[in-house]
PDB file of N, CA and C in Angstrom:
ATOM      1  N   MET A   1    -125.424  92.558  40.097  1.00  0.00           N
ATOM      2  CA  MET A   1    -125.106  92.831  38.914  1.00  0.00           C
ATOM      3  C   MET A   1    -123.660  94.115  38.240  1.00  0.00           C
ATOM      4  N   TYR A   2    -123.679  95.017  39.698  1.00  0.00           N
ATOM      5  CA  TYR A   2    -122.651  96.051  39.314  1.00  0.00           C
ATOM      6  C   TYR A   2    -121.228  95.494  38.870  1.00  0.00           C
ATOM      7  N   LYS A   3    -120.704  94.016  40.057  1.00  0.00           N
ATOM      8  CA  LYS A   3    -120.107  93.176  40.027  1.00  0.00           C
ATOM      9  C   LYS A   3    -119.739  92.960  38.449  1.00  0.00           C
ATOM     10  N   LYS A   4    -120.228  92.330  37.752  1.00  0.00           N
ATOM     11  CA  LYS A   4    -120.767  91.404  36.418  1.00  0.00           C
ATOM     12  C   LYS A   4    -120.335  92.412  35.125  1.00  0.00           C
ATOM     13  N   THR A   5    -121.228  93.497  35.809  1.00  0.00           N
ATOM     14  CA  THR A   5    -120.703  94.601  34.358  1.00  0.00           C
ATOM     15  C   THR A   5    -119.733  94.867  34.460  1.00  0.00           C
ATOM     16  N   LEU A   6    -118.601  95.408  35.749  1.00  0.00           N
ATOM     17  CA  LEU A   6    -117.418  95.669  35.546  1.00  0.00           C
ATOM     18  C   LEU A   6    -116.721  95.022  35.285  1.00  0.00           C
ATOM     19  N   LEU A   7    -116.750  93.672  35.438  1.00  0.00           N
ATOM     20  CA  LEU A   7    -115.824  92.491  35.204  1.00  0.00           C
ATOM     21  C   LEU A   7    -116.343  92.330  33.065  1.00  0.00           C
ATOM     22  N   LEU A   8    -117.033  92.523  32.991  1.00  0.00           N
ATOM     23  CA  LEU A   8    -116.742  92.364  31.638  1.00  0.00           C
ATOM     24  C   LEU A   8    -116.448  93.712  31.003  1.00  0.00           C
ATOM     25  N   ILE A   9    -116.655  95.001  31.502  1.00  0.00           N
ATOM     26  CA  ILE A   9    -115.932  96.036  31.142  1.00  0.00           C
ATOM     27  C   ILE A   9    -114.424  95.611  31.274  1.00  0.00           C
ATOM     28  N   GLY A  10    -114.234  95.363  32.066  1.00  0.00           N
ATOM     29  CA  GLY A  10    -112.850  94.717  32.229  1.00  0.00           C
ATOM     30  C   GLY A  10    -111.927  93.976  31.252  1.00  0.00           C
ATOM     31  N   LEU A  11    -112.593  92.602  30.998  1.00  0.00           N
ATOM     32  CA  LEU A  11    -112.204  92.091  30.107  1.00  0.00           C
ATOM     33  C   LEU A  11    -112.034  92.382  28.316  1.00  0.00           C
ATOM     34  N   ALA A  12    -113.410  93.560  28.370  1.00  0.00           N
ATOM     35  CA  ALA A  12    -113.551  93.778  26.969  1.00  0.00           C
ATOM     36  C   ALA A  12    -112.181  94.941  26.838  1.00  0.00           C
ATOM     37  N   LEU A  13    -112.347  95.774  27.798  1.00  0.00           N
ATOM     38  CA  LEU A  13    -110.498  96.486  27.834  1.00  0.00           C
ATOM     39  C   LEU A  13    -109.703  95.611  27.575  1.00  0.00           C
ATOM     40  N   SER A  14    -109.243  94.822  28.668  1.00  0.00           N
ATOM     41  CA  SER A  14    -107.635  94.128  28.729  1.00  0.00           C
ATOM     42  C   SER A  14    -108.196  93.420  27.114  1.00  0.00           C
ATOM     43  N   THR A  15    -108.903  92.893  26.079  1.00  0.00           N
ATOM     44  CA  THR A  15    -108.847  92.234  24.962  1.00  0.00           C
ATOM     45  C   THR A  15    -108.179  93.360  24.247  1.00  0.00           C
ATOM     46  N   THR A  16    -108.837  94.602  24.212  1.00  0.00           N
ATOM     47  CA  THR A  16    -108.691  95.414  23.440  1.00  0.00           C
ATOM     48  C   THR A  16    -106.857  96.168  23.671  1.00  0.00           C
ATOM     49  N   LEU A  17    -106.538  96.446  24.650  1.00  0.00           N
ATOM     50  CA  LEU A  17    -105.311  96.487  24.714  1.00  0.00           C
ATOM     51  C   LEU A  17    -104.154  96.078  24.272  1.00  0.00           C
ATOM     52  N   TYR A  18    -104.455  94.324  24.512  1.00  0.00           N
ATOM     53  CA  TYR A  18    -103.625  93.431  24.108  1.00  0.00           C
ATOM     54  C   TYR A  18    -103.986  93.376  22.763  1.00  0.00           C
ATOM     55  N   ALA A  19    -104.451  93.309  22.260  1.00  0.00           N
ATOM     56  CA  ALA A  19    -104.918  92.713  20.583  1.00  0.00           C
ATOM     57  C   ALA A  19    -104.000  93.314  19.377  1.00  0.00           C
ATOM     58  N   GLN A  20    -103.120  92.426  19.219  1.00  0.00           N
ATOM     59  CA  GLN A  20    -101.940  92.573  18.165  1.00  0.00           C
ATOM     60  C   GLN A  20    -102.227  93.447  16.799  1.00  0.00           C
ATOM     61  N   GLU A  21    -102.095  93.954  16.031  1.00  0.00           N
ATOM     62  CA  GLU A  21    -101.915  94.481  14.575  1.00  0.00           C
ATOM     63  C   GLU A  21    -101.539  93.785  13.976  1.00  0.00           C
ATOM     64  N   VAL A  22    -102.430  92.967  12.669  1.00  0.00           N
ATOM     65  CA  VAL A  22    -101.931  92.279  11.784  1.00  0.00           C
ATOM     66  C   VAL A  22    -101.419  92.871  10.389  1.00  0.00           C
ATOM     67  N   ASP A  23    -100.487  92.352  10.283  1.00  0.00           N
ATOM     68  CA  ASP A  23    -100.240  92.450   8.613  1.00  0.00           C
ATOM     69  C   ASP A  23    -101.408  92.577   7.453  1.00  0.00           C
ATOM     70  N   SER A  24    -102.120  93.348   6.727  1.00  0.00           N
ATOM     71  CA  SER A  24    -102.864  92.519   6.017  1.00  0.00           C
ATOM     72  C   SER A  24    -102.648  91.938   4.547  1.00  0.00           C
ATOM     73  N   THR A  25    -100.841  91.488   4.099  1.00  0.00           N
ATOM     74  CA  THR A  25    -100.501  90.811   3.346  1.00  0.00           C
ATOM     75  C   THR A  25    -100.227  89.630   3.751  1.00  0.00           C
ATOM     76  N   THR A  26     -99.753  89.585   5.193  1.00  0.00           N
ATOM     77  CA  THR A  26     -99.046  87.594   5.232  1.00  0.00           C
ATOM     78  C   THR A  26    -100.178  86.907   6.310  1.00  0.00           C
ATOM     79  N   GLY A  27    -100.700  87.973   7.004  1.00  0.00           N
ATOM     80  CA  GLY A  27    -101.358  87.540   8.328  1.00  0.00           C
ATOM     81  C   GLY A  27    -100.999  88.004   9.121  1.00  0.00           C
ATOM     82  N   LEU A  28     -99.792  88.132   9.309  1.00  0.00           N
ATOM     83  CA  LEU A  28     -98.832  87.966  10.832  1.00  0.00           C
ATOM     84  C   LEU A  28     -98.594  89.184  11.304  1.00  0.00           C
ATOM     85  N   ILE A  29     -98.686  88.952  12.921  1.00  0.00           N
ATOM     86  CA  ILE A  29     -98.568  89.854  13.495  1.00  0.00           C
ATOM     87  C   ILE A  29     -97.466  91.368  13.145  1.00  0.00           C
ATOM     88  N   ILE A  30     -97.493  91.809  13.636  1.00  0.00           N
ATOM     89  CA  ILE A  30     -97.170  93.238  13.088  1.00  0.00           C
ATOM     90  C   ILE A  30     -96.144  93.573  14.579  1.00  0.00           C
ATOM     91  N   ASP A  31     -94.519  93.655  13.834  1.00  0.00           N
ATOM     92  CA  ASP A  31     -93.869  94.027  15.313  1.00  0.00           C
ATOM     93  C   ASP A  31     -92.534  93.873  14.427  1.00  0.00           C
ATOM     94  N   LYS A  32     -91.648  95.097  15.576  1.00  0.00           N
ATOM     95  CA  LYS A  32     -89.980  94.146  14.732  1.00  0.00           C
ATOM     96  C   LYS A  32     -89.862  92.813  14.090  1.00  0.00           C
ATOM     97  N   GLY A  33     -89.026  92.932  12.894  1.00  0.00           N
ATOM     98  CA  GLY A  33     -88.664  92.125  12.484  1.00  0.00           C
ATOM     99  C   GLY A  33     -89.426  90.651  11.824  1.00  0.00           C
ATOM    100  N   LEU A  34     -90.848  92.129  10.965  1.00  0.00           N
ATOM    101  CA  LEU A  34     -91.597  91.127  10.329  1.00  0.00           C
ATOM    102  C   LEU A  34     -90.902  91.492   9.053  1.00  0.00           C
ATOM    103  N   SER A  35     -90.552  92.418   8.876  1.00  0.00           N
ATOM    104  CA  SER A  35     -90.254  92.845   7.598  1.00  0.00           C
ATOM    105  C   SER A  35     -88.994  92.149   7.328  1.00  0.00           C
ATOM    106  N   ASP A  36     -88.142  91.293   7.774  1.00  0.00           N
ATOM    107  CA  ASP A  36     -87.712  89.942   7.718  1.00  0.00           C
ATOM    108  C   ASP A  36     -88.328  88.948   7.335  1.00  0.00           C
ATOM    109  N   VAL A  37     -89.075  88.694   8.217  1.00  0.00           N
ATOM    110  CA  VAL A  37     -90.014  87.226   8.054  1.00  0.00           C
ATOM    111  C   VAL A  37     -90.401  87.611   6.384  1.00  0.00           C
ATOM    112  N   LYS A  38     -90.733  88.779   6.100  1.00  0.00           N
ATOM    113  CA  LYS A  38     -91.827  88.906   4.783  1.00  0.00           C
ATOM    114  C   LYS A  38     -90.667  88.821   3.367  1.00  0.00           C
ATOM    115  N   GLU A  39     -89.260  88.966   3.655  1.00  0.00           N
ATOM    116  CA  GLU A  39     -87.946  89.208   2.788  1.00  0.00           C
ATOM    117  C   GLU A  39     -87.679  87.949   2.892  1.00  0.00           C
ATOM    118  N   ASN A  40     -87.809  86.934   3.775  1.00  0.00           N
ATOM    119  CA  ASN A  40     -86.912  85.425   4.086  1.00  0.00           C
ATOM    120  C   ASN A  40     -87.768  84.796   3.790  1.00  0.00           C
ATOM    121  N   CYS A  41     -89.478  84.716   4.262  1.00  0.00           N
ATOM    122  CA  CYS A  41     -89.985  83.825   4.368  1.00  0.00           C
ATOM    123  C   CYS A  41     -90.882  83.740   3.651  1.00  0.00           C
ATOM    124  N   THR A  42     -91.553  84.121   3.813  1.00  0.00           N
ATOM    125  CA  THR A  42     -93.069  84.766   3.228  1.00  0.00           C
ATOM    126  C   THR A  42     -93.120  84.896   1.507  1.00  0.00           C
ATOM    127  N   ILE A  43     -91.778  84.943   0.771  1.00  0.00           N
ATOM    128  CA  ILE A  43     -91.777  84.809  -0.482  1.00  0.00           C
ATOM    129  C   ILE A  43     -91.898  83.894  -0.586  1.00  0.00           C
ATOM    130  N   CYS A  44     -91.884  82.319  -0.143  1.00  0.00           N
ATOM    131  CA  CYS A  44     -91.499  81.185  -0.473  1.00  0.00           C
ATOM    132  C   CYS A  44     -93.363  80.374  -0.582  1.00  0.00           C
ATOM    133  N   HIS A  45     -93.295  80.920   0.819  1.00  0.00           N
ATOM    134  CA  HIS A  45     -94.280  80.209   1.882  1.00  0.00           C
ATOM    135  C   HIS A  45     -95.401  81.415   2.355  1.00  0.00           C
ATOM    136  N   THR A  46     -96.892  81.236   2.946  1.00  0.00           N
ATOM    137  CA  THR A  46     -97.542  82.016   3.475  1.00  0.00           C
ATOM    138  C   THR A  46     -97.257  82.138   4.588  1.00  0.00           C
ATOM    139  N   GLY A  47     -98.037  82.864   5.360  1.00  0.00           N
ATOM    140  CA  GLY A  47     -97.633  83.256   6.936  1.00  0.00           C
ATOM    141  C   GLY A  47     -98.469  81.962   7.735  1.00  0.00           C
ATOM    142  N   ARG A  48     -99.554  81.318   7.119  1.00  0.00           N
ATOM    143  CA  ARG A  48    -100.054  80.167   7.413  1.00  0.00           C
ATOM    144  C   ARG A  48     -99.192  79.433   7.941  1.00  0.00           C
ATOM    145  N   PHE A  49     -97.507  78.943   7.255  1.00  0.00           N
ATOM    146  CA  PHE A  49     -97.366  78.314   7.369  1.00  0.00           C
ATOM    147  C   PHE A  49     -96.383  78.471   8.695  1.00  0.00           C
ATOM    148  N   ILE A  50     -96.386  79.792   9.351  1.00  0.00           N
ATOM    149  CA  ILE A  50     -95.207  79.894  10.212  1.00  0.00           C
ATOM    150  C   ILE A  50     -96.655  80.187  11.548  1.00  0.00           C
ATOM    151  N   VAL A  51     -97.154  80.507  11.419  1.00  0.00           N
ATOM    152  CA  VAL A  51     -98.624  80.330  12.247  1.00  0.00           C
ATOM    153  C   VAL A  51     -99.014  79.109  13.139  1.00  0.00           C
ATOM    154  N   VAL A  52     -98.853  77.529  11.886  1.00  0.00           N
ATOM    155  CA  VAL A  52     -99.151  76.493  12.696  1.00  0.00           C
ATOM    156  C   VAL A  52     -98.252  75.803  13.058  1.00  0.00           C
ATOM    157  N   ASN A  53     -96.566  76.738  13.349  1.00  0.00           N
ATOM    158  CA  ASN A  53     -95.069  75.614  13.501  1.00  0.00           C
ATOM    159  C   ASN A  53     -94.604  76.264  14.724  1.00  0.00           C
ATOM    160  N   GLY A  54     -95.742  77.151  15.427  1.00  0.00           N
ATOM    161  CA  GLY A  54     -95.090  77.745  16.345  1.00  0.00           C
ATOM    162  C   GLY A  54     -93.912  76.864  17.718  1.00  0.00           C
ATOM    163  N   GLY A  55     -93.279  77.712  17.901  1.00  0.00           N
ATOM    164  CA  GLY A  55     -92.463  77.430  18.792  1.00  0.00           C
ATOM    165  C   GLY A  55     -91.615  78.181  19.749  1.00  0.00           C
ATOM    166  N   ASP A  56     -90.292  77.498  20.343  1.00  0.00           N
ATOM    167  CA  ASP A  56     -89.170  78.857  21.167  1.00  0.00           C
ATOM    168  C   ASP A  56     -88.147  78.817  20.094  1.00  0.00           C
ATOM    169  N   LYS A  57     -87.486  79.892  20.542  1.00  0.00           N
ATOM    170  CA  LYS A  57     -86.129  80.305  19.495  1.00  0.00           C
ATOM    171  C   LYS A  57     -85.175  78.993  18.490  1.00  0.00           C
ATOM    172  N   GLU A  58     -85.060  78.019  19.625  1.00  0.00           N
ATOM    173  CA  GLU A  58     -84.518  76.845  19.031  1.00  0.00           C
ATOM    174  C   GLU A  58     -84.923  76.079  17.939  1.00  0.00           C
ATOM    175  N   PHE A  59     -86.011  75.860  18.242  1.00  0.00           N
ATOM    176  CA  PHE A  59     -87.326  75.747  17.287  1.00  0.00           C
ATOM    177  C   PHE A  59     -86.991  76.060  16.305  1.00  0.00           C
ATOM    178  N   TRP A  60     -87.598  77.015  16.058  1.00  0.00           N
ATOM    179  CA  TRP A  60     -87.170  78.653  14.847  1.00  0.00           C
ATOM    180  C   TRP A  60     -85.673  78.561  14.391  1.00  0.00           C
ATOM    181  N   LYS A  61     -84.899  78.817  14.977  1.00  0.00           N
ATOM    182  CA  LYS A  61     -83.445  78.005  14.711  1.00  0.00           C
ATOM    183  C   LYS A  61     -83.183  77.161  13.558  1.00  0.00           C
ATOM    184  N   LYS A  62     -84.044  75.889  14.431  1.00  0.00           N
ATOM    185  CA  LYS A  62     -83.680  74.604  13.353  1.00  0.00           C
ATOM    186  C   LYS A  62     -84.601  74.859  11.922  1.00  0.00           C
ATOM    187  N   LYS A  63     -85.944  75.267  12.190  1.00  0.00           N
ATOM    188  CA  LYS A  63     -86.821  75.410  11.187  1.00  0.00           C
ATOM    189  C   LYS A  63     -85.858  76.436   9.851  1.00  0.00           C
ATOM    190  N   LEU A  64     -85.322  77.196  10.687  1.00  0.00           N
ATOM    191  CA  LEU A  64     -84.240  78.553   9.373  1.00  0.00           C
ATOM    192  C   LEU A  64     -83.282  77.374   8.870  1.00  0.00           C
ATOM    193  N   HIS A  65     -82.590  76.727   9.658  1.00  0.00           N
ATOM    194  CA  HIS A  65     -81.678  76.039   9.353  1.00  0.00           C
ATOM    195  C   HIS A  65     -82.636  74.747   7.814  1.00  0.00           C
ATOM    196  N   ILE A  66     -83.241  73.796   8.119  1.00  0.00           N
ATOM    197  CA  ILE A  66     -83.629  73.143   7.608  1.00  0.00           C
ATOM    198  C   ILE A  66     -84.538  73.855   5.656  1.00  0.00           C
ATOM    199  N   MET A  67     -84.834  75.254   6.237  1.00  0.00           N
ATOM    200  CA  MET A  67     -85.159  75.966   5.192  1.00  0.00           C
ATOM    201  C   MET A  67     -83.957  75.815   4.256  1.00  0.00           C
ATOM    202  N   GLN A  68     -82.739  76.454   4.937  1.00  0.00           N
ATOM    203  CA  GLN A  68     -81.587  76.979   4.219  1.00  0.00           C
ATOM    204  C   GLN A  68     -80.994  75.822   3.505  1.00  0.00           C
ATOM    205  N   VAL A  69     -80.912  74.803   4.157  1.00  0.00           N
ATOM    206  CA  VAL A  69     -80.342  73.200   4.037  1.00  0.00           C
ATOM    207  C   VAL A  69     -81.130  72.592   2.566  1.00  0.00           C
ATOM    208  N   ALA A  70     -82.280  72.343   3.017  1.00  0.00           N
ATOM    209  CA  ALA A  70     -83.060  71.794   1.908  1.00  0.00           C
ATOM    210  C   ALA A  70     -83.675  72.413   1.193  1.00  0.00           C
ATOM    211  N   TYR A  71     -83.835  73.771   0.889  1.00  0.00           N
ATOM    212  CA  TYR A  71     -84.981  74.302   0.242  1.00  0.00           C
ATOM    213  C   TYR A  71     -84.243  75.487  -0.359  1.00  0.00           C
ATOM    214  N   GLY A  72     -82.669  75.889  -0.239  1.00  0.00           N
ATOM    215  CA  GLY A  72     -82.201  76.867  -0.724  1.00  0.00           C
ATOM    216  C   GLY A  72     -82.349  78.287  -0.080  1.00  0.00           C
ATOM    217  N   LEU A  73     -82.721  78.336   0.896  1.00  0.00           N
ATOM    218  CA  LEU A  73     -82.606  79.441   1.551  1.00  0.00           C
ATOM    219  C   LEU A  73     -81.214  80.471   1.644  1.00  0.00           C
ATOM    220  N   TRP A  74     -80.993  81.667   1.301  1.00  0.00           N
ATOM    221  CA  TRP A  74     -79.846  81.649   1.006  1.00  0.00           C
ATOM    222  C   TRP A  74     -79.369  82.316   2.911  1.00  0.00           C
ATOM    223  N   GLU A  75     -77.779  82.020   2.865  1.00  0.00           N
ATOM    224  CA  GLU A  75     -77.410  83.091   3.913  1.00  0.00           C
ATOM    225  C   GLU A  75     -77.765  84.047   4.358  1.00  0.00           C
ATOM    226  N   LEU A  76     -78.440  84.239   5.781  1.00  0.00           N
ATOM    227  CA  LEU A  76     -78.577  85.472   6.598  1.00  0.00           C
ATOM    228  C   LEU A  76     -77.006  86.151   6.932  1.00  0.00           C
ATOM    229  N   ASP A  77     -77.430  87.814   7.434  1.00  0.00           N
ATOM    230  CA  ASP A  77     -76.572  88.489   7.811  1.00  0.00           C
ATOM    231  C   ASP A  77     -76.961  88.317   9.548  1.00  0.00           C
ATOM    232  N   GLU A  78     -76.002  88.083  10.033  1.00  0.00           N
ATOM    233  CA  GLU A  78     -76.088  87.742  12.082  1.00  0.00           C
ATOM    234  C   GLU A  78     -77.687  88.870  11.980  1.00  0.00           C
ATOM    235  N   GLU A  79     -77.236  90.202  12.053  1.00  0.00           N
ATOM    236  CA  GLU A  79     -78.493  91.002  12.937  1.00  0.00           C
ATOM    237  C   GLU A  79     -80.171  90.716  12.081  1.00  0.00           C
ATOM    238  N   ALA A  80     -79.984  90.397  10.859  1.00  0.00           N
ATOM    239  CA  ALA A  80     -81.042  89.971  10.339  1.00  0.00           C
ATOM    240  C   ALA A  80     -81.916  88.690  10.732  1.00  0.00           C
ATOM    241  N   LYS A  81     -80.718  87.897  10.787  1.00  0.00           N
ATOM    242  CA  LYS A  81     -80.808  86.263  11.317  1.00  0.00           C
ATOM    243  C   LYS A  81     -81.722  86.350  13.036  1.00  0.00           C
ATOM    244  N   GLU A  82     -81.018  87.331  13.447  1.00  0.00           N
ATOM    245  CA  GLU A  82     -81.630  87.842  14.928  1.00  0.00           C
ATOM    246  C   GLU A  82     -82.509  87.985  15.001  1.00  0.00           C
ATOM    247  N   ARG A  83     -82.700  89.372  14.542  1.00  0.00           N
ATOM    248  CA  ARG A  83     -84.437  89.853  14.479  1.00  0.00           C
ATOM    249  C   ARG A  83     -85.428  88.596  13.794  1.00  0.00           C
ATOM    250  N   LEU A  84     -84.947  88.143  12.805  1.00  0.00           N
ATOM    251  CA  LEU A  84     -86.552  87.066  12.527  1.00  0.00           C
ATOM    252  C   LEU A  84     -86.196  86.282  13.321  1.00  0.00           C
ATOM    253  N   LEU A  85     -85.353  85.401  13.931  1.00  0.00           N
ATOM    254  CA  LEU A  85     -85.395  84.691  15.244  1.00  0.00           C
ATOM    255  C   LEU A  85     -86.553  84.988  16.560  1.00  0.00           C
ATOM    256  N   ASN A  86     -85.914  86.481  16.752  1.00  0.00           N
ATOM    257  CA  ASN A  86     -86.498  87.348  18.250  1.00  0.00           C
ATOM    258  C   ASN A  86     -88.021  87.527  18.060  1.00  0.00           C
ATOM    259  N   TYR A  87     -88.667  87.823  16.308  1.00  0.00           N
ATOM    260  CA  TYR A  87     -89.950  87.811  16.088  1.00  0.00           C
ATOM    261  C   TYR A  87     -90.790  86.546  16.461  1.00  0.00           C
ATOM    262  N   LEU A  88     -90.159  85.615  15.786  1.00  0.00           N
ATOM    263  CA  LEU A  88     -91.005  84.501  15.569  1.00  0.00           C
ATOM    264  C   LEU A  88     -91.187  83.561  17.153  1.00  0.00           C
ATOM    265  N   SER A  89     -89.784  83.421  17.943  1.00  0.00           N
ATOM    266  CA  SER A  89     -90.006  83.193  19.095  1.00  0.00           C
ATOM    267  C   SER A  89     -91.005  83.910  19.602  1.00  0.00           C
ATOM    268  N   LYS A  90     -91.075  85.435  19.770  1.00  0.00           N
ATOM    269  CA  LYS A  90     -91.772  86.049  20.427  1.00  0.00           C
ATOM    270  C   LYS A  90     -93.250  86.176  19.852  1.00  0.00           C
ATOM    271  N   ASN A  91     -93.654  86.510  19.078  1.00  0.00           N
ATOM    272  CA  ASN A  91     -95.319  86.212  18.262  1.00  0.00           C
ATOM    273  C   ASN A  91     -95.400  84.767  17.850  1.00  0.00           C
ATOM    274  N   TYR A  92     -94.917  83.850  17.867  1.00  0.00           N
ATOM    275  CA  TYR A  92     -95.044  82.272  17.827  1.00  0.00           C
ATOM    276  C   TYR A  92     -94.632  81.053  17.917  1.00  0.00           C
ATOM    277  N   SER A  93     -94.429  81.462  19.355  1.00  0.00           N
ATOM    278  CA  SER A  93     -94.264  80.382  20.449  1.00  0.00           C
ATOM    279  C   SER A  93     -94.664  78.906  20.741  1.00  0.00           C
ATOM    280  N   LYS A  94     -96.094  79.494  19.816  1.00  0.00           N
ATOM    281  CA  LYS A  94     -96.579  78.118  20.343  1.00  0.00           C
ATOM    282  C   LYS A  94     -97.810  77.978  18.634  1.00  0.00           C
ATOM    283  N   LYS A  95     -97.898  76.388  18.363  1.00  0.00           N
ATOM    284  CA  LYS A  95     -98.738  76.498  17.654  1.00  0.00           C
ATOM    285  C   LYS A  95    -100.193  77.144  17.553  1.00  0.00           C
ATOM    286  N   VAL A  96    -101.016  77.088  16.210  1.00  0.00           N
ATOM    287  CA  VAL A  96    -101.992  77.818  16.215  1.00  0.00           C
ATOM    288  C   VAL A  96    -103.442  76.848  15.384  1.00  0.00           C
ATOM    289  N   ASN A  97    -103.960  76.546  15.832  1.00  0.00           N
ATOM    290  CA  ASN A  97    -104.899  75.618  15.304  1.00  0.00           C
ATOM    291  C   ASN A  97    -105.576  76.466  13.862  1.00  0.00           C
ATOM    292  N   VAL A  98    -104.860  76.408  12.489  1.00  0.00           N
ATOM    293  CA  VAL A  98    -106.118  77.207  11.139  1.00  0.00           C
ATOM    294  C   VAL A  98    -106.883  76.200  10.555  1.00  0.00           C
ATOM    295  N   SER A  99    -107.700  77.085  10.873  1.00  0.00           N
ATOM    296  CA  SER A  99    -108.561  75.789  10.166  1.00  0.00           C
ATOM    297  C   SER A  99    -108.906  76.511   8.662  1.00  0.00           C
ATOM    298  N   ILE A 100    -109.401  75.875   7.970  1.00  0.00           N
ATOM    299  CA  ILE A 100    -109.729  76.525   6.105  1.00  0.00           C
ATOM    300  C   ILE A 100    -110.905  77.141   6.510  1.00  0.00           C
ATOM    301  N   ASP A 101    -111.926  77.270   7.488  1.00  0.00           N
ATOM    302  CA  ASP A 101    -113.022  78.290   7.120  1.00  0.00           C
ATOM    303  C   ASP A 101    -112.586  79.080   7.127  1.00  0.00           C
ATOM    304  N   LYS A 102    -111.213  79.958   8.321  1.00  0.00           N
ATOM    305  CA  LYS A 102    -111.306  80.724   8.499  1.00  0.00           C
ATOM    306  C   LYS A 102    -110.825  81.696   7.157  1.00  0.00           C
TER     307      LYS A 102
END
């Protein structure tokens, strides 16, 4: 019983320590680069679109290029582009299944 209690406490603490704050406007993880995403991505689509399209930095670079070529996203300065790509690849490297019920 003692070991089980300690295990449960440990799991609860680790979940709390690694919980990430989420922006109330976009539903995206608050981290360096979020403002670039808000200024350049979520003005046209929701944060949910980002969450369901996870991938590595190359994936996001290709997505960014598609948004520029096909949908008229403007050119970004290199610093903003790098922050945006780092943010997306760090926080959204995997696709997430998002149901309508959430």
